[in-house]
C-alpha cells in the first residue's frame, strides 16, 4: 500500500503502474518543490482518466473520501462518467 497526498500521484503511477484501488481527496497539498498553481484531487482524476484512455486501461476501484462536497461530487461524476463511457 502506498499513500500519496499530492499531485505526485502522477509520478507514482508512471513509476509503479496503476494500483488496484485509489481513494480520492479533493484538497491536496502542493509538492515541496512546486511553484505551480495548486493541483487538487480533480486534477489527479482528470490525469487518471486521460492515462487510462491513452493506455486502454480500466479505472482501478476507487472511492472519494473528500470532505469538500462540491469537489467530491465533481471527482465522482468524472470517474463514474468515464466508467460508463468505457463500458460501452
PDB file of N, CA and C in Angstrom:
ATOM      1  N   UNK A   1       0.837  -1.175   0.000  1.00  0.00           N
ATOM      2  CA  UNK A   1       0.000   0.000   0.000  1.00  0.00           C
ATOM      3  C   UNK A   1       0.887   1.246   0.000  1.00  0.00           C
ATOM      4  N   UNK A   2       0.479   2.223  -0.784  1.00  0.00           N
ATOM      5  CA  UNK A   2       1.190   3.494  -0.828  1.00  0.00           C
ATOM      6  C   UNK A   2       0.195   4.608  -0.553  1.00  0.00           C
ATOM      7  N   UNK A   3       0.647   5.627   0.157  1.00  0.00           N
ATOM      8  CA  UNK A   3      -0.179   6.805   0.406  1.00  0.00           C
ATOM      9  C   UNK A   3       0.501   7.989  -0.262  1.00  0.00           C
ATOM     10  N   UNK A   4      -0.221   8.612  -1.184  1.00  0.00           N
ATOM     11  CA  UNK A   4       0.300   9.767  -1.912  1.00  0.00           C
ATOM     12  C   UNK A   4      -0.711  10.888  -1.710  1.00  0.00           C
ATOM     13  N   UNK A   5      -0.276  11.987  -1.117  1.00  0.00           N
ATOM     14  CA  UNK A   5      -1.201  13.062  -0.755  1.00  0.00           C
ATOM     15  C   UNK A   5      -0.958  14.346  -1.530  1.00  0.00           C
ATOM     16  N   UNK A   6      -0.484  14.212  -2.739  1.00  0.00           N
ATOM     17  CA  UNK A   6      -0.227  15.384  -3.575  1.00  0.00           C
ATOM     18  C   UNK A   6      -0.320  14.971  -5.045  1.00  0.00           C
ATOM     19  N   UNK A   7      -0.040  15.923  -5.924  1.00  0.00           N
ATOM     20  CA  UNK A   7      -0.056  15.629  -7.354  1.00  0.00           C
ATOM     21  C   UNK A   7       1.098  14.703  -7.750  1.00  0.00           C
ATOM     22  N   UNK A   8       1.945  14.335  -6.783  1.00  0.00           N
ATOM     23  CA  UNK A   8       2.972  13.315  -7.022  1.00  0.00           C
ATOM     24  C   UNK A   8       2.324  11.977  -7.377  1.00  0.00           C
ATOM     25  N   UNK A   9       1.012  11.920  -7.227  1.00  0.00           N
ATOM     26  CA  UNK A   9       0.157  10.815  -7.681  1.00  0.00           C
ATOM     27  C   UNK A   9       0.557  10.398  -9.102  1.00  0.00           C
ATOM     28  N   UNK A  10       0.772  11.395  -9.954  1.00  0.00           N
ATOM     29  CA  UNK A  10       1.115  11.140 -11.360  1.00  0.00           C
ATOM     30  C   UNK A  10       2.442  10.395 -11.457  1.00  0.00           C
ATOM     31  N   UNK A  11       3.455  10.899 -10.789  1.00  0.00           N
ATOM     32  CA  UNK A  11       4.779  10.274 -10.822  1.00  0.00           C
ATOM     33  C   UNK A  11       4.720   8.862 -10.256  1.00  0.00           C
ATOM     34  N   UNK A  12       3.951   8.696  -9.182  1.00  0.00           N
ATOM     35  CA  UNK A  12       3.842   7.373  -8.573  1.00  0.00           C
ATOM     36  C   UNK A  12       3.270   6.374  -9.569  1.00  0.00           C
ATOM     37  N   UNK A  13       2.196   6.733 -10.260  1.00  0.00           N
ATOM     38  CA  UNK A  13       1.577   5.810 -11.224  1.00  0.00           C
ATOM     39  C   UNK A  13       2.490   5.589 -12.428  1.00  0.00           C
ATOM     40  N   UNK A  14       3.140   6.624 -12.913  1.00  0.00           N
ATOM     41  CA  UNK A  14       4.059   6.458 -14.049  1.00  0.00           C
ATOM     42  C   UNK A  14       5.205   5.521 -13.690  1.00  0.00           C
ATOM     43  N   UNK A  15       5.617   5.522 -12.436  1.00  0.00           N
ATOM     44  CA  UNK A  15       6.723   4.674 -11.983  1.00  0.00           C
ATOM     45  C   UNK A  15       6.273   3.260 -11.633  1.00  0.00           C
ATOM     46  N   UNK A  16       5.119   3.141 -10.982  1.00  0.00           N
ATOM     47  CA  UNK A  16       4.687   1.865 -10.416  1.00  0.00           C
ATOM     48  C   UNK A  16       3.512   1.208 -11.123  1.00  0.00           C
ATOM     49  N   UNK A  17       2.852   1.922 -12.026  1.00  0.00           N
ATOM     50  CA  UNK A  17       1.664   1.399 -12.673  1.00  0.00           C
ATOM     51  C   UNK A  17       0.417   1.671 -11.843  1.00  0.00           C
ATOM     52  N   UNK A  18      -0.729   1.313 -12.392  1.00  0.00           N
ATOM     53  CA  UNK A  18      -1.992   1.559 -11.698  1.00  0.00           C
ATOM     54  C   UNK A  18      -2.109   0.672 -10.466  1.00  0.00           C
ATOM     55  N   UNK A  19      -2.544   1.256  -9.363  1.00  0.00           N
ATOM     56  CA  UNK A  19      -2.833   0.429  -8.190  1.00  0.00           C
ATOM     57  C   UNK A  19      -4.185  -0.265  -8.371  1.00  0.00           C
ATOM     58  N   UNK A  20      -4.511  -1.173  -7.495  1.00  0.00           N
ATOM     59  CA  UNK A  20      -5.805  -1.853  -7.543  1.00  0.00           C
ATOM     60  C   UNK A  20      -6.934  -0.954  -7.027  1.00  0.00           C
ATOM     61  N   UNK A  21      -6.585   0.015  -6.173  1.00  0.00           N
ATOM     62  CA  UNK A  21      -7.583   0.846  -5.513  1.00  0.00           C
ATOM     63  C   UNK A  21      -7.016   2.235  -5.260  1.00  0.00           C
ATOM     64  N   UNK A  22      -7.852   3.272  -5.458  1.00  0.00           N
ATOM     65  CA  UNK A  22      -7.460   4.655  -5.176  1.00  0.00           C
ATOM     66  C   UNK A  22      -8.566   5.310  -4.357  1.00  0.00           C
ATOM     67  N   UNK A  23      -8.179   6.012  -3.312  1.00  0.00           N
ATOM     68  CA  UNK A  23      -9.111   6.795  -2.509  1.00  0.00           C
ATOM     69  C   UNK A  23      -8.784   8.271  -2.768  1.00  0.00           C
ATOM     70  N   UNK A  24      -9.735   8.993  -3.360  1.00  0.00           N
ATOM     71  CA  UNK A  24      -9.510  10.380  -3.762  1.00  0.00           C
ATOM     72  C   UNK A  24      -9.949  11.379  -2.698  1.00  0.00           C
ATOM     73  N   UNK A  25      -9.117  12.371  -2.485  1.00  0.00           N
ATOM     74  CA  UNK A  25      -9.459  13.548  -1.695  1.00  0.00           C
ATOM     75  C   UNK A  25      -9.365  14.728  -2.648  1.00  0.00           C
ATOM     76  N   UNK A  26     -10.233  15.702  -2.524  1.00  0.00           N
ATOM     77  CA  UNK A  26     -10.178  16.845  -3.431  1.00  0.00           C
ATOM     78  C   UNK A  26      -9.053  17.808  -3.068  1.00  0.00           C
ATOM     79  N   UNK A  27      -8.938  18.126  -1.800  1.00  0.00           N
ATOM     80  CA  UNK A  27      -7.999  19.164  -1.368  1.00  0.00           C
ATOM     81  C   UNK A  27      -6.658  18.544  -1.001  1.00  0.00           C
ATOM     82  N   UNK A  28      -5.671  18.734  -1.871  1.00  0.00           N
ATOM     83  CA  UNK A  28      -4.340  18.165  -1.697  1.00  0.00           C
ATOM     84  C   UNK A  28      -3.321  19.257  -1.435  1.00  0.00           C
ATOM     85  N   UNK A  29      -2.219  18.888  -0.845  1.00  0.00           N
ATOM     86  CA  UNK A  29      -1.119  19.824  -0.660  1.00  0.00           C
ATOM     87  C   UNK A  29      -0.239  19.853  -1.895  1.00  0.00           C
ATOM     88  N   UNK A  30       0.537  20.903  -2.014  1.00  0.00           N
ATOM     89  CA  UNK A  30       1.493  21.021  -3.116  1.00  0.00           C
ATOM     90  C   UNK A  30       2.776  20.272  -2.781  1.00  0.00           C
ATOM     91  N   UNK A  31       3.430  19.691  -3.782  1.00  0.00           N
ATOM     92  CA  UNK A  31       4.751  19.122  -3.530  1.00  0.00           C
ATOM     93  C   UNK A  31       5.687  20.229  -3.046  1.00  0.00           C
ATOM     94  N   UNK A  32       6.650  19.881  -2.222  1.00  0.00           N
ATOM     95  CA  UNK A  32       7.556  20.879  -1.642  1.00  0.00           C
ATOM     96  C   UNK A  32       8.295  21.696  -2.694  1.00  0.00           C
ATOM     97  N   UNK A  33       8.616  21.105  -3.826  1.00  0.00           N
ATOM     98  CA  UNK A  33       9.401  21.798  -4.850  1.00  0.00           C
ATOM     99  C   UNK A  33       8.527  22.458  -5.916  1.00  0.00           C
ATOM    100  N   UNK A  34       7.240  22.594  -5.650  1.00  0.00           N
ATOM    101  CA  UNK A  34       6.325  23.118  -6.665  1.00  0.00           C
ATOM    102  C   UNK A  34       6.178  24.631  -6.576  1.00  0.00           C
ATOM    103  N   UNK A  35       6.234  25.287  -7.719  1.00  0.00           N
ATOM    104  CA  UNK A  35       5.949  26.713  -7.817  1.00  0.00           C
ATOM    105  C   UNK A  35       4.712  26.955  -8.666  1.00  0.00           C
ATOM    106  N   UNK A  36       4.021  25.873  -9.029  1.00  0.00           N
ATOM    107  CA  UNK A  36       2.870  25.981  -9.907  1.00  0.00           C
ATOM    108  C   UNK A  36       1.598  26.181  -9.098  1.00  0.00           C
ATOM    109  N   UNK A  37       0.504  26.447  -9.814  1.00  0.00           N
ATOM    110  CA  UNK A  37      -0.770  26.585  -9.140  1.00  0.00           C
ATOM    111  C   UNK A  37      -1.169  25.255  -8.512  1.00  0.00           C
ATOM    112  N   UNK A  38      -2.062  25.330  -7.564  1.00  0.00           N
ATOM    113  CA  UNK A  38      -2.459  24.139  -6.825  1.00  0.00           C
ATOM    114  C   UNK A  38      -3.029  23.062  -7.742  1.00  0.00           C
ATOM    115  N   UNK A  39      -2.587  21.853  -7.513  1.00  0.00           N
ATOM    116  CA  UNK A  39      -3.148  20.685  -8.172  1.00  0.00           C
ATOM    117  C   UNK A  39      -3.990  19.985  -7.122  1.00  0.00           C
ATOM    118  N   UNK A  40      -5.224  19.654  -7.452  1.00  0.00           N
ATOM    119  CA  UNK A  40      -6.114  19.040  -6.472  1.00  0.00           C
ATOM    120  C   UNK A  40      -6.515  17.635  -6.914  1.00  0.00           C
ATOM    121  N   UNK A  41      -7.396  17.015  -6.140  1.00  0.00           N
ATOM    122  CA  UNK A  41      -7.834  15.668  -6.461  1.00  0.00           C
ATOM    123  C   UNK A  41      -8.520  15.576  -7.816  1.00  0.00           C
ATOM    124  N   UNK A  42      -9.206  16.650  -8.216  1.00  0.00           N
ATOM    125  CA  UNK A  42      -9.839  16.659  -9.533  1.00  0.00           C
ATOM    126  C   UNK A  42      -8.769  16.645 -10.625  1.00  0.00           C
ATOM    127  N   UNK A  43      -7.677  17.349 -10.416  1.00  0.00           N
ATOM    128  CA  UNK A  43      -6.564  17.319 -11.375  1.00  0.00           C
ATOM    129  C   UNK A  43      -6.024  15.903 -11.512  1.00  0.00           C
ATOM    130  N   UNK A  44      -5.908  15.200 -10.382  1.00  0.00           N
ATOM    131  CA  UNK A  44      -5.441  13.809 -10.407  1.00  0.00           C
ATOM    132  C   UNK A  44      -6.440  12.915 -11.141  1.00  0.00           C
ATOM    133  N   UNK A  45      -7.719  13.107 -10.872  1.00  0.00           N
ATOM    134  CA  UNK A  45      -8.751  12.291 -11.523  1.00  0.00           C
ATOM    135  C   UNK A  45      -8.755  12.516 -13.033  1.00  0.00           C
ATOM    136  N   UNK A  46      -8.623  13.766 -13.474  1.00  0.00           N
ATOM    137  CA  UNK A  46      -8.572  14.065 -14.914  1.00  0.00           C
ATOM    138  C   UNK A  46      -7.353  13.413 -15.541  1.00  0.00           C
ATOM    139  N   UNK A  47      -6.207  13.522 -14.864  1.00  0.00           N
ATOM    140  CA  UNK A  47      -4.996  12.900 -15.387  1.00  0.00           C
ATOM    141  C   UNK A  47      -5.198  11.399 -15.501  1.00  0.00           C
ATOM    142  N   UNK A  48      -5.800  10.788 -14.475  1.00  0.00           N
ATOM    143  CA  UNK A  48      -6.014   9.351 -14.468  1.00  0.00           C
ATOM    144  C   UNK A  48      -6.909   8.910 -15.621  1.00  0.00           C
ATOM    145  N   UNK A  49      -7.971   9.644 -15.866  1.00  0.00           N
ATOM    146  CA  UNK A  49      -8.862   9.309 -16.987  1.00  0.00           C
ATOM    147  C   UNK A  49      -8.081   9.356 -18.300  1.00  0.00           C
ATOM    148  N   UNK A  50      -7.310  10.405 -18.515  1.00  0.00           N
ATOM    149  CA  UNK A  50      -6.510  10.506 -19.742  1.00  0.00           C
ATOM    150  C   UNK A  50      -5.477   9.389 -19.838  1.00  0.00           C
ATOM    151  N   UNK A  51      -4.861   9.045 -18.719  1.00  0.00           N
ATOM    152  CA  UNK A  51      -3.886   7.956 -18.686  1.00  0.00           C
ATOM    153  C   UNK A  51      -4.552   6.630 -19.087  1.00  0.00           C
ATOM    154  N   UNK A  52      -5.743   6.392 -18.558  1.00  0.00           N
ATOM    155  CA  UNK A  52      -6.467   5.165 -18.893  1.00  0.00           C
ATOM    156  C   UNK A  52      -6.889   5.155 -20.360  1.00  0.00           C
ATOM    157  N   UNK A  53      -7.306   6.289 -20.891  1.00  0.00           N
ATOM    158  CA  UNK A  53      -7.663   6.374 -22.313  1.00  0.00           C
ATOM    159  C   UNK A  53      -6.431   6.109 -23.169  1.00  0.00           C
ATOM    160  N   UNK A  54      -5.333   6.790 -22.869  1.00  0.00           N
ATOM    161  CA  UNK A  54      -4.109   6.659 -23.667  1.00  0.00           C
ATOM    162  C   UNK A  54      -3.545   5.248 -23.652  1.00  0.00           C
ATOM    163  N   UNK A  55      -3.754   4.528 -22.542  1.00  0.00           N
ATOM    164  CA  UNK A  55      -3.170   3.192 -22.392  1.00  0.00           C
ATOM    165  C   UNK A  55      -4.208   2.074 -22.454  1.00  0.00           C
ATOM    166  N   UNK A  56      -5.426   2.435 -22.866  1.00  0.00           N
ATOM    167  CA  UNK A  56      -6.541   1.488 -22.983  1.00  0.00           C
ATOM    168  C   UNK A  56      -6.682   0.634 -21.718  1.00  0.00           C
ATOM    169  N   UNK A  57      -6.784   1.322 -20.576  1.00  0.00           N
ATOM    170  CA  UNK A  57      -6.884   0.661 -19.284  1.00  0.00           C
ATOM    171  C   UNK A  57      -8.230   0.941 -18.628  1.00  0.00           C
ATOM    172  N   UNK A  58      -8.641   0.044 -17.780  1.00  0.00           N
ATOM    173  CA  UNK A  58      -9.830   0.209 -16.949  1.00  0.00           C
ATOM    174  C   UNK A  58      -9.408   0.976 -15.696  1.00  0.00           C
ATOM    175  N   UNK A  59     -10.289   1.828 -15.178  1.00  0.00           N
ATOM    176  CA  UNK A  59     -10.000   2.513 -13.916  1.00  0.00           C
ATOM    177  C   UNK A  59      -9.846   1.496 -12.799  1.00  0.00           C
ATOM    178  N   UNK A  60      -8.934   1.755 -11.885  1.00  0.00           N
ATOM    179  CA  UNK A  60      -8.903   0.905 -10.697  1.00  0.00           C
ATOM    180  C   UNK A  60     -10.155   1.174  -9.857  1.00  0.00           C
ATOM    181  N   UNK A  61     -10.465   0.287  -8.925  1.00  0.00           N
ATOM    182  CA  UNK A  61     -11.550   0.556  -7.988  1.00  0.00           C
ATOM    183  C   UNK A  61     -11.212   1.854  -7.259  1.00  0.00           C
ATOM    184  N   UNK A  62     -12.237   2.615  -6.904  1.00  0.00           N
ATOM    185  CA  UNK A  62     -11.982   3.896  -6.242  1.00  0.00           C
ATOM    186  C   UNK A  62     -13.111   4.257  -5.300  1.00  0.00           C
ATOM    187  N   UNK A  63     -12.789   5.180  -4.415  1.00  0.00           N
ATOM    188  CA  UNK A  63     -13.756   5.828  -3.544  1.00  0.00           C
ATOM    189  C   UNK A  63     -13.320   7.284  -3.439  1.00  0.00           C
ATOM    190  N   UNK A  64     -14.267   8.177  -3.221  1.00  0.00           N
ATOM    191  CA  UNK A  64     -13.954   9.591  -2.996  1.00  0.00           C
ATOM    192  C   UNK A  64     -14.279   9.872  -1.533  1.00  0.00           C
ATOM    193  N   UNK A  65     -13.260  10.223  -0.754  1.00  0.00           N
ATOM    194  CA  UNK A  65     -13.447  10.439   0.679  1.00  0.00           C
ATOM    195  C   UNK A  65     -13.343  11.911   1.086  1.00  0.00           C
ATOM    196  N   UNK A  66     -13.340  12.806   0.145  1.00  0.00           N
ATOM    197  CA  UNK A  66     -13.110  14.218   0.417  1.00  0.00           C
ATOM    198  C   UNK A  66     -14.202  14.836   1.287  1.00  0.00           C
ATOM    199  N   UNK A  67     -13.793  15.724   2.172  1.00  0.00           N
ATOM    200  CA  UNK A  67     -14.768  16.481   2.972  1.00  0.00           C
ATOM    201  C   UNK A  67     -15.203  17.749   2.245  1.00  0.00           C
ATOM    202  N   UNK A  68     -14.734  17.945   1.027  1.00  0.00           N
ATOM    203  CA  UNK A  68     -15.153  19.063   0.180  1.00  0.00           C
ATOM    204  C   UNK A  68     -16.303  18.539  -0.677  1.00  0.00           C
ATOM    205  N   UNK A  69     -17.571  18.848  -0.328  1.00  0.00           N
ATOM    206  CA  UNK A  69     -18.708  18.227  -1.016  1.00  0.00           C
ATOM    207  C   UNK A  69     -18.747  18.488  -2.520  1.00  0.00           C
ATOM    208  N   UNK A  70     -18.506  19.710  -2.932  1.00  0.00           N
ATOM    209  CA  UNK A  70     -18.538  20.021  -4.363  1.00  0.00           C
ATOM    210  C   UNK A  70     -17.395  19.315  -5.087  1.00  0.00           C
ATOM    211  N   UNK A  71     -16.212  19.343  -4.499  1.00  0.00           N
ATOM    212  CA  UNK A  71     -15.067  18.678  -5.106  1.00  0.00           C
ATOM    213  C   UNK A  71     -15.275  17.183  -5.203  1.00  0.00           C
ATOM    214  N   UNK A  72     -15.809  16.584  -4.143  1.00  0.00           N
ATOM    215  CA  UNK A  72     -16.067  15.142  -4.143  1.00  0.00           C
ATOM    216  C   UNK A  72     -17.074  14.774  -5.228  1.00  0.00           C
ATOM    217  N   UNK A  73     -18.129  15.563  -5.346  1.00  0.00           N
ATOM    218  CA  UNK A  73     -19.164  15.300  -6.359  1.00  0.00           C
ATOM    219  C   UNK A  73     -18.579  15.383  -7.768  1.00  0.00           C
ATOM    220  N   UNK A  74     -17.718  16.364  -8.003  1.00  0.00           N
ATOM    221  CA  UNK A  74     -17.099  16.529  -9.323  1.00  0.00           C
ATOM    222  C   UNK A  74     -16.179  15.363  -9.668  1.00  0.00           C
ATOM    223  N   UNK A  75     -15.371  14.941  -8.707  1.00  0.00           N
ATOM    224  CA  UNK A  75     -14.463  13.813  -8.951  1.00  0.00           C
ATOM    225  C   UNK A  75     -15.264  12.545  -9.241  1.00  0.00           C
ATOM    226  N   UNK A  76     -16.250  12.287  -8.389  1.00  0.00           N
ATOM    227  CA  UNK A  76     -17.058  11.086  -8.564  1.00  0.00           C
ATOM    228  C   UNK A  76     -17.799  11.103  -9.903  1.00  0.00           C
ATOM    229  N   UNK A  77     -18.328  12.263 -10.275  1.00  0.00           N
ATOM    230  CA  UNK A  77     -19.029  12.377 -11.556  1.00  0.00           C
ATOM    231  C   UNK A  77     -18.113  12.098 -12.734  1.00  0.00           C
ATOM    232  N   UNK A  78     -16.904  12.645 -12.694  1.00  0.00           N
ATOM    233  CA  UNK A  78     -15.941  12.411 -13.770  1.00  0.00           C
ATOM    234  C   UNK A  78     -15.596  10.934 -13.887  1.00  0.00           C
ATOM    235  N   UNK A  79     -15.261  10.312 -12.769  1.00  0.00           N
ATOM    236  CA  UNK A  79     -14.816   8.919 -12.802  1.00  0.00           C
ATOM    237  C   UNK A  79     -15.951   7.962 -13.169  1.00  0.00           C
ATOM    238  N   UNK A  80     -17.132   8.182 -12.621  1.00  0.00           N
ATOM    239  CA  UNK A  80     -18.264   7.314 -12.966  1.00  0.00           C
ATOM    240  C   UNK A  80     -18.687   7.529 -14.418  1.00  0.00           C
ATOM    241  N   UNK A  81     -18.595   8.767 -14.893  1.00  0.00           N
ATOM    242  CA  UNK A  81     -18.891   9.034 -16.297  1.00  0.00           C
ATOM    243  C   UNK A  81     -17.916   8.327 -17.219  1.00  0.00           C
ATOM    244  N   UNK A  82     -16.646   8.325 -16.851  1.00  0.00           N
ATOM    245  CA  UNK A  82     -15.650   7.612 -17.653  1.00  0.00           C
ATOM    246  C   UNK A  82     -15.920   6.114 -17.638  1.00  0.00           C
ATOM    247  N   UNK A  83     -16.244   5.560 -16.471  1.00  0.00           N
ATOM    248  CA  UNK A  83     -16.546   4.131 -16.403  1.00  0.00           C
ATOM    249  C   UNK A  83     -17.735   3.792 -17.295  1.00  0.00           C
ATOM    250  N   UNK A  84     -18.749   4.611 -17.272  1.00  0.00           N
ATOM    251  CA  UNK A  84     -19.937   4.375 -18.105  1.00  0.00           C
ATOM    252  C   UNK A  84     -19.555   4.414 -19.587  1.00  0.00           C
ATOM    253  N   UNK A  85     -18.775   5.419 -19.981  1.00  0.00           N
ATOM    254  CA  UNK A  85     -18.338   5.558 -21.378  1.00  0.00           C
ATOM    255  C   UNK A  85     -17.470   4.355 -21.778  1.00  0.00           C
ATOM    256  N   UNK A  86     -16.565   3.961 -20.899  1.00  0.00           N
ATOM    257  CA  UNK A  86     -15.629   2.858 -21.204  1.00  0.00           C
ATOM    258  C   UNK A  86     -16.365   1.533 -21.346  1.00  0.00           C
ATOM    259  N   UNK A  87     -17.474   1.354 -20.635  1.00  0.00           N
ATOM    260  CA  UNK A  87     -18.198   0.083 -20.682  1.00  0.00           C
ATOM    261  C   UNK A  87     -19.033  -0.075 -21.953  1.00  0.00           C
ATOM    262  N   UNK A  88     -19.185   0.983 -22.723  1.00  0.00           N
ATOM    263  CA  UNK A  88     -19.979   0.905 -23.979  1.00  0.00           C
ATOM    264  C   UNK A  88     -19.177   0.294 -25.091  1.00  0.00           C
TER     265      UNK A  88
END
